[in-house]
Amino acid sequence: MKVNTMAEMMMNGETPEVLFWVGCAGSFDQRAQKITKAFATILTKVGVKFAILGKEEACTGDPARRAGNEFLFQMMAYQNIQILNGYGIKKIVTTCPHCFNTLKNEYPELGGSYDVIHHTTFLQELIDQGKIKLKEGGTYKGKKISYHDSCYLGRSNNIYEAPRKVLEALEGELIEMKRCRSNGLCCGAGGAQMFKEDEPGDKRINIERADEALETGASVIAAACPFCNTMMTDGVKNREKEGSVAVLDIAEMIAESME
């Protein structure tokens, strides 16, 4: 895939409509790379002029701050802000709610103010504008889909409708888990938990959450966060249901269903 970096675009005297912030998971995690590719494919197909930072993009510092290393967070944030401001970036879209929350809510006080959009909201806008055209009777028509609310999208930023509206456009049957929306249960990876060992308890959070998703009888568990995706996938594998239940990001589902 040919994806322009900000540096290449600037060299050609062009400016993108949006900067796609890929994030650590989307760059380095093999599973999340598929989400990155799917989203980049959608943007290319609908003709959105976008760029990535490439090697100039560093971690937003979210895990460092959540784990209590404020100094490291600020160091990383300042570095990113310098680069973003240097390019005159105004609008950022990201597939990771952790990056989204940090860039949107925590960078302004350090001098980085941008219009930050999560990819589910962006996809909903593209569908509403008629730019994304979906196949009639696509892969997900009539399929039972259960959507898992990411903490950083839901409770932190009140984004509940956009991902569901995107899924409804696929003509699937949306089945909610008992705990959903503002009452949703964390997948177990937030707050830098992704990078440390479990604390003592009698059940892992991701297995608890995967059980709730499996109880709905859905054949697809839809997520909108690379961390949630990993945790739900692990939970489904633990219950040996990976043959019958798919864990997919909303962008992957849309990319597969586009005309």
C-alpha atoms as a PDB file:
ATOM      1  CA  MET A   1       0.000   0.000   0.000  1.00  0.00           C
ATOM      2  CA  LYS A   2       1.193   3.476  -0.787  1.00  0.00           C
ATOM      3  CA  VAL A   3       0.517   5.760   2.162  1.00  0.00           C
ATOM      4  CA  ASN A   4       2.010   9.236   2.168  1.00  0.00           C
ATOM      5  CA  THR A   5       3.941  10.477   5.158  1.00  0.00           C
ATOM      6  CA  MET A   6       3.577  14.061   6.300  1.00  0.00           C
ATOM      7  CA  ALA A   7       7.204  14.730   5.264  1.00  0.00           C
ATOM      8  CA  GLU A   8       6.567  13.497   1.693  1.00  0.00           C
ATOM      9  CA  MET A   9       3.419  15.592   1.384  1.00  0.00           C
ATOM     10  CA  MET A  10       5.136  18.718   2.667  1.00  0.00           C
ATOM     11  CA  MET A  11       7.966  18.167   0.191  1.00  0.00           C
ATOM     12  CA  ASN A  12       5.416  18.166  -2.636  1.00  0.00           C
ATOM     13  CA  GLY A  13       3.783  21.283  -1.221  1.00  0.00           C
ATOM     14  CA  GLU A  14       0.565  19.425  -0.332  1.00  0.00           C
ATOM     15  CA  THR A  15      -1.476  19.348   2.861  1.00  0.00           C
ATOM     16  CA  PRO A  16      -3.699  16.417   3.843  1.00  0.00           C
ATOM     17  CA  GLU A  17      -7.337  16.750   4.954  1.00  0.00           C
ATOM     18  CA  VAL A  18      -6.540  14.584   7.970  1.00  0.00           C
ATOM     19  CA  LEU A  19      -3.539  13.117   9.700  1.00  0.00           C
ATOM     20  CA  PHE A  20      -4.058   9.413  10.450  1.00  0.00           C
ATOM     21  CA  TRP A  21      -2.464   8.746  13.845  1.00  0.00           C
ATOM     22  CA  VAL A  22      -1.604   5.059  13.681  1.00  0.00           C
ATOM     23  CA  GLY A  23      -0.545   4.462  17.304  1.00  0.00           C
ATOM     24  CA  CYS A  24       1.781   1.826  18.754  1.00  0.00           C
ATOM     25  CA  ALA A  25      -0.647  -1.089  18.470  1.00  0.00           C
ATOM     26  CA  GLY A  26      -1.583  -0.198  14.895  1.00  0.00           C
ATOM     27  CA  SER A  27       2.091   0.037  13.957  1.00  0.00           C
ATOM     28  CA  PHE A  28       3.666  -2.921  15.731  1.00  0.00           C
ATOM     29  CA  ASP A  29       0.983  -5.403  16.770  1.00  0.00           C
ATOM     30  CA  GLN A  30       0.380  -7.913  13.968  1.00  0.00           C
ATOM     31  CA  ARG A  31      -3.333  -8.152  14.661  1.00  0.00           C
ATOM     32  CA  ALA A  32      -3.821  -4.383  14.929  1.00  0.00           C
ATOM     33  CA  GLN A  33      -1.860  -3.822  11.700  1.00  0.00           C
ATOM     34  CA  LYS A  34      -4.844  -5.388   9.903  1.00  0.00           C
ATOM     35  CA  ILE A  35      -7.099  -2.699  11.398  1.00  0.00           C
ATOM     36  CA  THR A  36      -4.669   0.005  10.228  1.00  0.00           C
ATOM     37  CA  LYS A  37      -4.672  -1.468   6.717  1.00  0.00           C
ATOM     38  CA  ALA A  38      -8.468  -1.727   6.659  1.00  0.00           C
ATOM     39  CA  PHE A  39      -8.906   1.891   7.722  1.00  0.00           C
ATOM     40  CA  ALA A  40      -6.263   3.155   5.274  1.00  0.00           C
ATOM     41  CA  THR A  41      -8.019   1.161   2.512  1.00  0.00           C
ATOM     42  CA  ILE A  42     -11.348   2.846   3.331  1.00  0.00           C
ATOM     43  CA  LEU A  43      -9.769   6.330   3.310  1.00  0.00           C
ATOM     44  CA  THR A  44      -8.080   5.618  -0.019  1.00  0.00           C
ATOM     45  CA  LYS A  45     -11.278   4.222  -1.591  1.00  0.00           C
ATOM     46  CA  VAL A  46     -13.437   7.197  -0.619  1.00  0.00           C
ATOM     47  CA  GLY A  47     -10.770   9.659  -1.727  1.00  0.00           C
ATOM     48  CA  VAL A  48      -9.886  11.226   1.615  1.00  0.00           C
ATOM     49  CA  LYS A  49      -6.503  12.917   1.327  1.00  0.00           C
ATOM     50  CA  PHE A  50      -4.592  11.682   4.367  1.00  0.00           C
ATOM     51  CA  ALA A  51      -1.052  11.229   5.625  1.00  0.00           C
ATOM     52  CA  ILE A  52       0.731   9.508   8.504  1.00  0.00           C
ATOM     53  CA  LEU A  53       3.754  10.686  10.473  1.00  0.00           C
ATOM     54  CA  GLY A  54       5.603   7.415   9.870  1.00  0.00           C
ATOM     55  CA  LYS A  55       8.879   7.261  11.770  1.00  0.00           C
ATOM     56  CA  GLU A  56       8.214  10.691  13.276  1.00  0.00           C
ATOM     57  CA  GLU A  57       5.259   9.355  15.264  1.00  0.00           C
ATOM     58  CA  ALA A  58       6.071   8.377  18.857  1.00  0.00           C
ATOM     59  CA  CYS A  59       3.764   6.845  21.474  1.00  0.00           C
ATOM     60  CA  THR A  60       1.301   9.431  22.826  1.00  0.00           C
ATOM     61  CA  GLY A  61       2.522   8.597  26.340  1.00  0.00           C
ATOM     62  CA  ASP A  62      -0.856   7.246  27.496  1.00  0.00           C
ATOM     63  CA  PRO A  63       0.521   4.008  29.040  1.00  0.00           C
ATOM     64  CA  ALA A  64       3.291   5.942  30.804  1.00  0.00           C
ATOM     65  CA  ARG A  65       0.843   8.390  32.378  1.00  0.00           C
ATOM     66  CA  ARG A  66      -1.623   5.647  33.363  1.00  0.00           C
ATOM     67  CA  ALA A  67       1.191   3.671  34.981  1.00  0.00           C
ATOM     68  CA  GLY A  68       2.222   6.742  36.973  1.00  0.00           C
ATOM     69  CA  ASN A  69       5.270   7.989  35.084  1.00  0.00           C
ATOM     70  CA  GLU A  70       4.184  11.604  34.550  1.00  0.00           C
ATOM     71  CA  PHE A  71       7.685  12.772  33.599  1.00  0.00           C
ATOM     72  CA  LEU A  72       7.953  10.267  30.732  1.00  0.00           C
ATOM     73  CA  PHE A  73       4.433  11.149  29.563  1.00  0.00           C
ATOM     74  CA  GLN A  74       5.220  14.860  29.351  1.00  0.00           C
ATOM     75  CA  MET A  75       8.498  14.213  27.576  1.00  0.00           C
ATOM     76  CA  MET A  76       6.768  12.101  24.912  1.00  0.00           C
ATOM     77  CA  ALA A  77       3.854  14.519  24.614  1.00  0.00           C
ATOM     78  CA  TYR A  78       6.103  17.555  24.062  1.00  0.00           C
ATOM     79  CA  GLN A  79       8.041  15.705  21.384  1.00  0.00           C
ATOM     80  CA  ASN A  80       4.818  14.799  19.528  1.00  0.00           C
ATOM     81  CA  ILE A  81       3.350  18.291  19.919  1.00  0.00           C
ATOM     82  CA  GLN A  82       6.476  19.874  18.433  1.00  0.00           C
ATOM     83  CA  ILE A  83       6.210  17.662  15.374  1.00  0.00           C
ATOM     84  CA  LEU A  84       2.432  18.133  14.978  1.00  0.00           C
ATOM     85  CA  ASN A  85       2.646  21.908  15.400  1.00  0.00           C
ATOM     86  CA  GLY A  86       5.660  22.028  13.107  1.00  0.00           C
ATOM     87  CA  TYR A  87       3.532  20.534  10.315  1.00  0.00           C
ATOM     88  CA  GLY A  88       0.584  22.766  11.202  1.00  0.00           C
ATOM     89  CA  ILE A  89      -1.704  19.779  11.791  1.00  0.00           C
ATOM     90  CA  LYS A  90      -5.334  20.706  12.462  1.00  0.00           C
ATOM     91  CA  LYS A  91      -7.299  17.473  12.161  1.00  0.00           C
ATOM     92  CA  ILE A  92      -6.298  14.019  13.427  1.00  0.00           C
ATOM     93  CA  VAL A  93      -8.139  10.702  13.075  1.00  0.00           C
ATOM     94  CA  THR A  94      -7.077   7.611  15.031  1.00  0.00           C
ATOM     95  CA  THR A  95      -8.201   3.985  15.348  1.00  0.00           C
ATOM     96  CA  CYS A  96      -7.132   3.778  19.014  1.00  0.00           C
ATOM     97  CA  PRO A  97      -9.333   5.240  21.789  1.00  0.00           C
ATOM     98  CA  HIS A  98      -6.279   5.572  24.069  1.00  0.00           C
ATOM     99  CA  CYS A  99      -4.490   7.780  21.519  1.00  0.00           C
ATOM    100  CA  PHE A 100      -7.787   9.575  20.818  1.00  0.00           C
ATOM    101  CA  ASN A 101      -8.407  10.413  24.480  1.00  0.00           C
ATOM    102  CA  THR A 102      -4.824  11.556  25.121  1.00  0.00           C
ATOM    103  CA  LEU A 103      -4.519  13.689  21.979  1.00  0.00           C
ATOM    104  CA  LYS A 104      -7.974  15.203  22.445  1.00  0.00           C
ATOM    105  CA  ASN A 105      -8.152  15.791  26.188  1.00  0.00           C
ATOM    106  CA  GLU A 106      -4.598  15.810  27.551  1.00  0.00           C
ATOM    107  CA  TYR A 107      -2.459  17.463  24.869  1.00  0.00           C
ATOM    108  CA  PRO A 108      -4.213  20.891  24.873  1.00  0.00           C
ATOM    109  CA  GLU A 109      -2.809  21.805  28.307  1.00  0.00           C
ATOM    110  CA  LEU A 110       0.692  21.096  26.962  1.00  0.00           C
ATOM    111  CA  GLY A 111       0.195  23.281  23.899  1.00  0.00           C
ATOM    112  CA  GLY A 112      -1.226  20.799  21.400  1.00  0.00           C
ATOM    113  CA  SER A 113      -4.805  21.662  20.357  1.00  0.00           C
ATOM    114  CA  TYR A 114      -6.219  19.652  17.452  1.00  0.00           C
ATOM    115  CA  ASP A 115      -9.559  18.502  16.123  1.00  0.00           C
ATOM    116  CA  VAL A 116      -9.274  14.813  17.084  1.00  0.00           C
ATOM    117  CA  ILE A 117     -11.760  12.259  15.749  1.00  0.00           C
ATOM    118  CA  HIS A 118     -12.066   8.557  16.490  1.00  0.00           C
ATOM    119  CA  HIS A 119     -12.358   6.363  13.416  1.00  0.00           C
ATOM    120  CA  THR A 120     -15.887   5.167  14.298  1.00  0.00           C
ATOM    121  CA  THR A 121     -17.154   8.779  14.268  1.00  0.00           C
ATOM    122  CA  PHE A 122     -15.257   9.437  11.039  1.00  0.00           C
ATOM    123  CA  LEU A 123     -16.743   6.315   9.411  1.00  0.00           C
ATOM    124  CA  GLN A 124     -20.227   7.345  10.495  1.00  0.00           C
ATOM    125  CA  GLU A 125     -19.697  10.783   8.884  1.00  0.00           C
ATOM    126  CA  LEU A 126     -18.498   9.157   5.643  1.00  0.00           C
ATOM    127  CA  ILE A 127     -21.545   6.843   5.604  1.00  0.00           C
ATOM    128  CA  ASP A 128     -23.924   9.761   6.315  1.00  0.00           C
ATOM    129  CA  GLN A 129     -22.331  11.779   3.498  1.00  0.00           C
ATOM    130  CA  GLY A 130     -22.843   8.838   1.133  1.00  0.00           C
ATOM    131  CA  LYS A 131     -19.118   8.498   0.498  1.00  0.00           C
ATOM    132  CA  ILE A 132     -18.964   4.937   1.830  1.00  0.00           C
ATOM    133  CA  LYS A 133     -21.180   2.725  -0.311  1.00  0.00           C
ATOM    134  CA  LEU A 134     -21.900  -0.705   1.115  1.00  0.00           C
ATOM    135  CA  LYS A 135     -22.694  -3.837  -0.886  1.00  0.00           C
ATOM    136  CA  GLU A 136     -26.299  -4.980  -0.913  1.00  0.00           C
ATOM    137  CA  GLY A 137     -26.672  -8.048   1.301  1.00  0.00           C
ATOM    138  CA  GLY A 138     -23.059  -7.911   2.447  1.00  0.00           C
ATOM    139  CA  THR A 139     -21.180 -10.392   4.640  1.00  0.00           C
ATOM    140  CA  TYR A 140     -22.848  -9.192   7.855  1.00  0.00           C
ATOM    141  CA  LYS A 141     -26.460  -8.925   6.719  1.00  0.00           C
ATOM    142  CA  GLY A 142     -28.669 -10.619   9.318  1.00  0.00           C
ATOM    143  CA  LYS A 143     -25.672 -11.726  11.400  1.00  0.00           C
ATOM    144  CA  LYS A 144     -25.801 -11.324  15.154  1.00  0.00           C
ATOM    145  CA  ILE A 145     -23.253  -8.707  16.224  1.00  0.00           C
ATOM    146  CA  SER A 146     -22.419  -7.631  19.765  1.00  0.00           C
ATOM    147  CA  TYR A 147     -20.504  -4.382  20.234  1.00  0.00           C
ATOM    148  CA  HIS A 148     -18.073  -3.950  23.134  1.00  0.00           C
ATOM    149  CA  ASP A 149     -17.792  -0.363  24.421  1.00  0.00           C
ATOM    150  CA  SER A 150     -14.207   0.802  24.891  1.00  0.00           C
ATOM    151  CA  CYS A 151     -13.809   2.725  28.180  1.00  0.00           C
ATOM    152  CA  TYR A 152     -11.976   5.595  26.514  1.00  0.00           C
ATOM    153  CA  LEU A 153     -14.668   5.981  23.874  1.00  0.00           C
ATOM    154  CA  GLY A 154     -17.693   5.426  26.056  1.00  0.00           C
ATOM    155  CA  ARG A 155     -17.335   6.598  29.616  1.00  0.00           C
ATOM    156  CA  SER A 156     -14.436   8.978  28.960  1.00  0.00           C
ATOM    157  CA  ASN A 157     -15.751  10.651  25.797  1.00  0.00           C
ATOM    158  CA  ASN A 158     -19.431   9.738  25.606  1.00  0.00           C
ATOM    159  CA  ILE A 159     -19.178   8.117  22.167  1.00  0.00           C
ATOM    160  CA  TYR A 160     -21.835   5.409  22.147  1.00  0.00           C
ATOM    161  CA  GLU A 161     -23.935   6.061  19.046  1.00  0.00           C
ATOM    162  CA  ALA A 162     -21.359   6.385  16.239  1.00  0.00           C
ATOM    163  CA  PRO A 163     -20.004   2.805  16.391  1.00  0.00           C
ATOM    164  CA  ARG A 164     -23.516   1.381  16.663  1.00  0.00           C
ATOM    165  CA  LYS A 165     -24.780   3.452  13.718  1.00  0.00           C
ATOM    166  CA  VAL A 166     -21.871   2.191  11.605  1.00  0.00           C
ATOM    167  CA  LEU A 167     -22.739  -1.406  12.538  1.00  0.00           C
ATOM    168  CA  GLU A 168     -26.423  -0.803  11.746  1.00  0.00           C
ATOM    169  CA  ALA A 169     -25.387   0.293   8.246  1.00  0.00           C
ATOM    170  CA  LEU A 170     -24.057  -3.264   7.764  1.00  0.00           C
ATOM    171  CA  GLU A 171     -27.630  -4.553   8.283  1.00  0.00           C
ATOM    172  CA  GLY A 172     -26.590  -6.942  11.028  1.00  0.00           C
ATOM    173  CA  GLU A 173     -28.631  -7.679  14.124  1.00  0.00           C
ATOM    174  CA  LEU A 174     -27.119  -5.738  17.024  1.00  0.00           C
ATOM    175  CA  ILE A 175     -27.408  -7.578  20.343  1.00  0.00           C
ATOM    176  CA  GLU A 176     -26.307  -5.719  23.445  1.00  0.00           C
ATOM    177  CA  MET A 177     -24.452  -7.349  26.329  1.00  0.00           C
ATOM    178  CA  LYS A 178     -25.997  -7.030  29.794  1.00  0.00           C
ATOM    179  CA  ARG A 179     -23.362  -4.451  30.697  1.00  0.00           C
ATOM    180  CA  CYS A 180     -23.137  -1.943  27.880  1.00  0.00           C
ATOM    181  CA  ARG A 181     -22.890   1.774  27.128  1.00  0.00           C
ATOM    182  CA  SER A 182     -22.130   3.794  30.298  1.00  0.00           C
ATOM    183  CA  ASN A 183     -22.429   0.575  32.325  1.00  0.00           C
ATOM    184  CA  GLY A 184     -20.002  -1.335  30.075  1.00  0.00           C
ATOM    185  CA  LEU A 185     -17.261  -3.492  31.555  1.00  0.00           C
ATOM    186  CA  CYS A 186     -13.605  -2.792  30.762  1.00  0.00           C
ATOM    187  CA  CYS A 187     -11.859  -5.435  28.636  1.00  0.00           C
ATOM    188  CA  GLY A 188      -9.085  -5.525  31.226  1.00  0.00           C
ATOM    189  CA  ALA A 189      -6.354  -3.703  29.262  1.00  0.00           C
ATOM    190  CA  GLY A 190      -7.015  -0.052  30.118  1.00  0.00           C
ATOM    191  CA  GLY A 191      -4.960   2.028  32.513  1.00  0.00           C
ATOM    192  CA  ALA A 192      -1.684   0.401  31.373  1.00  0.00           C
ATOM    193  CA  GLN A 193      -2.964  -3.018  32.556  1.00  0.00           C
ATOM    194  CA  MET A 194      -2.129  -4.263  29.054  1.00  0.00           C
ATOM    195  CA  PHE A 195       1.561  -4.200  29.978  1.00  0.00           C
ATOM    196  CA  LYS A 196       1.615  -5.793  33.417  1.00  0.00           C
ATOM    197  CA  GLU A 197       0.763  -9.077  35.077  1.00  0.00           C
ATOM    198  CA  ASP A 198      -2.656  -9.776  36.567  1.00  0.00           C
ATOM    199  CA  GLU A 199      -3.342  -8.925  40.164  1.00  0.00           C
ATOM    200  CA  PRO A 200      -4.642 -11.720  42.433  1.00  0.00           C
ATOM    201  CA  GLY A 201      -8.263 -12.650  41.823  1.00  0.00           C
ATOM    202  CA  ASP A 202     -10.366 -15.610  40.812  1.00  0.00           C
ATOM    203  CA  LYS A 203     -11.172 -14.623  37.199  1.00  0.00           C
ATOM    204  CA  ARG A 204      -9.446 -12.551  34.538  1.00  0.00           C
ATOM    205  CA  ILE A 205     -11.404  -9.478  33.458  1.00  0.00           C
ATOM    206  CA  ASN A 206     -11.113 -10.243  29.751  1.00  0.00           C
ATOM    207  CA  ILE A 207     -12.589 -13.709  30.290  1.00  0.00           C
ATOM    208  CA  GLU A 208     -15.464 -12.234  32.298  1.00  0.00           C
ATOM    209  CA  ARG A 209     -16.136  -9.792  29.457  1.00  0.00           C
ATOM    210  CA  ALA A 210     -15.750 -12.389  26.699  1.00  0.00           C
ATOM    211  CA  ASP A 211     -18.254 -14.617  28.546  1.00  0.00           C
ATOM    212  CA  GLU A 212     -20.755 -11.751  28.537  1.00  0.00           C
ATOM    213  CA  ALA A 213     -20.246 -11.322  24.782  1.00  0.00           C
ATOM    214  CA  LEU A 214     -20.582 -15.060  24.109  1.00  0.00           C
ATOM    215  CA  GLU A 215     -23.803 -15.202  26.154  1.00  0.00           C
ATOM    216  CA  THR A 216     -25.492 -12.933  23.588  1.00  0.00           C
ATOM    217  CA  GLY A 217     -25.135 -15.700  20.993  1.00  0.00           C
ATOM    218  CA  ALA A 218     -23.483 -13.270  18.584  1.00  0.00           C
ATOM    219  CA  SER A 219     -21.265 -14.655  15.829  1.00  0.00           C
ATOM    220  CA  VAL A 220     -19.293 -11.387  15.634  1.00  0.00           C
ATOM    221  CA  ILE A 221     -17.910  -9.370  18.544  1.00  0.00           C
ATOM    222  CA  ALA A 222     -17.248  -5.872  17.234  1.00  0.00           C
ATOM    223  CA  ALA A 223     -14.623  -3.683  18.880  1.00  0.00           C
ATOM    224  CA  ALA A 224     -13.274  -0.223  18.127  1.00  0.00           C
ATOM    225  CA  CYS A 225      -9.985  -0.428  20.026  1.00  0.00           C
ATOM    226  CA  PRO A 226      -6.853  -2.533  19.376  1.00  0.00           C
ATOM    227  CA  PHE A 227      -6.460  -3.341  23.097  1.00  0.00           C
ATOM    228  CA  CYS A 228     -10.100  -4.433  23.441  1.00  0.00           C
ATOM    229  CA  ASN A 229      -9.642  -6.513  20.304  1.00  0.00           C
ATOM    230  CA  THR A 230      -6.665  -8.371  21.818  1.00  0.00           C
ATOM    231  CA  MET A 231      -8.400  -8.980  25.142  1.00  0.00           C
ATOM    232  CA  MET A 232     -11.679 -10.162  23.610  1.00  0.00           C
ATOM    233  CA  THR A 233      -9.813 -12.427  21.175  1.00  0.00           C
ATOM    234  CA  ASP A 234      -7.888 -13.995  24.079  1.00  0.00           C
ATOM    235  CA  GLY A 235     -11.132 -14.489  25.995  1.00  0.00           C
ATOM    236  CA  VAL A 236     -12.859 -16.153  23.041  1.00  0.00           C
ATOM    237  CA  LYS A 237      -9.836 -18.434  22.503  1.00  0.00           C
ATOM    238  CA  ASN A 238      -9.825 -19.334  26.194  1.00  0.00           C
ATOM    239  CA  ARG A 239     -13.423 -20.561  25.792  1.00  0.00           C
ATOM    240  CA  GLU A 240     -12.409 -22.378  22.558  1.00  0.00           C
ATOM    241  CA  LYS A 241     -14.970 -20.488  20.513  1.00  0.00           C
ATOM    242  CA  GLU A 242     -12.620 -18.919  17.957  1.00  0.00           C
ATOM    243  CA  GLY A 243     -14.020 -21.233  15.260  1.00  0.00           C
ATOM    244  CA  SER A 244     -17.552 -19.856  15.566  1.00  0.00           C
ATOM    245  CA  VAL A 245     -17.092 -16.309  16.910  1.00  0.00           C
ATOM    246  CA  ALA A 246     -15.058 -13.614  15.150  1.00  0.00           C
ATOM    247  CA  VAL A 247     -13.605 -10.589  16.954  1.00  0.00           C
ATOM    248  CA  LEU A 248     -13.339  -7.740  14.472  1.00  0.00           C
ATOM    249  CA  ASP A 249     -12.727  -4.023  14.437  1.00  0.00           C
ATOM    250  CA  ILE A 250     -15.520  -1.929  12.936  1.00  0.00           C
ATOM    251  CA  ALA A 251     -13.109  -0.644  10.239  1.00  0.00           C
ATOM    252  CA  GLU A 252     -12.369  -4.212   9.109  1.00  0.00           C
ATOM    253  CA  MET A 253     -16.089  -4.946   8.803  1.00  0.00           C
ATOM    254  CA  ILE A 254     -16.689  -1.801   6.721  1.00  0.00           C
ATOM    255  CA  ALA A 255     -13.621  -2.395   4.491  1.00  0.00           C
ATOM    256  CA  GLU A 256     -14.882  -5.914   3.738  1.00  0.00           C
ATOM    257  CA  SER A 257     -18.432  -4.707   2.970  1.00  0.00           C
ATOM    258  CA  MET A 258     -17.633  -1.758   0.696  1.00  0.00           C
ATOM    259  CA  GLU A 259     -18.557  -1.789  -2.968  1.00  0.00           C
END
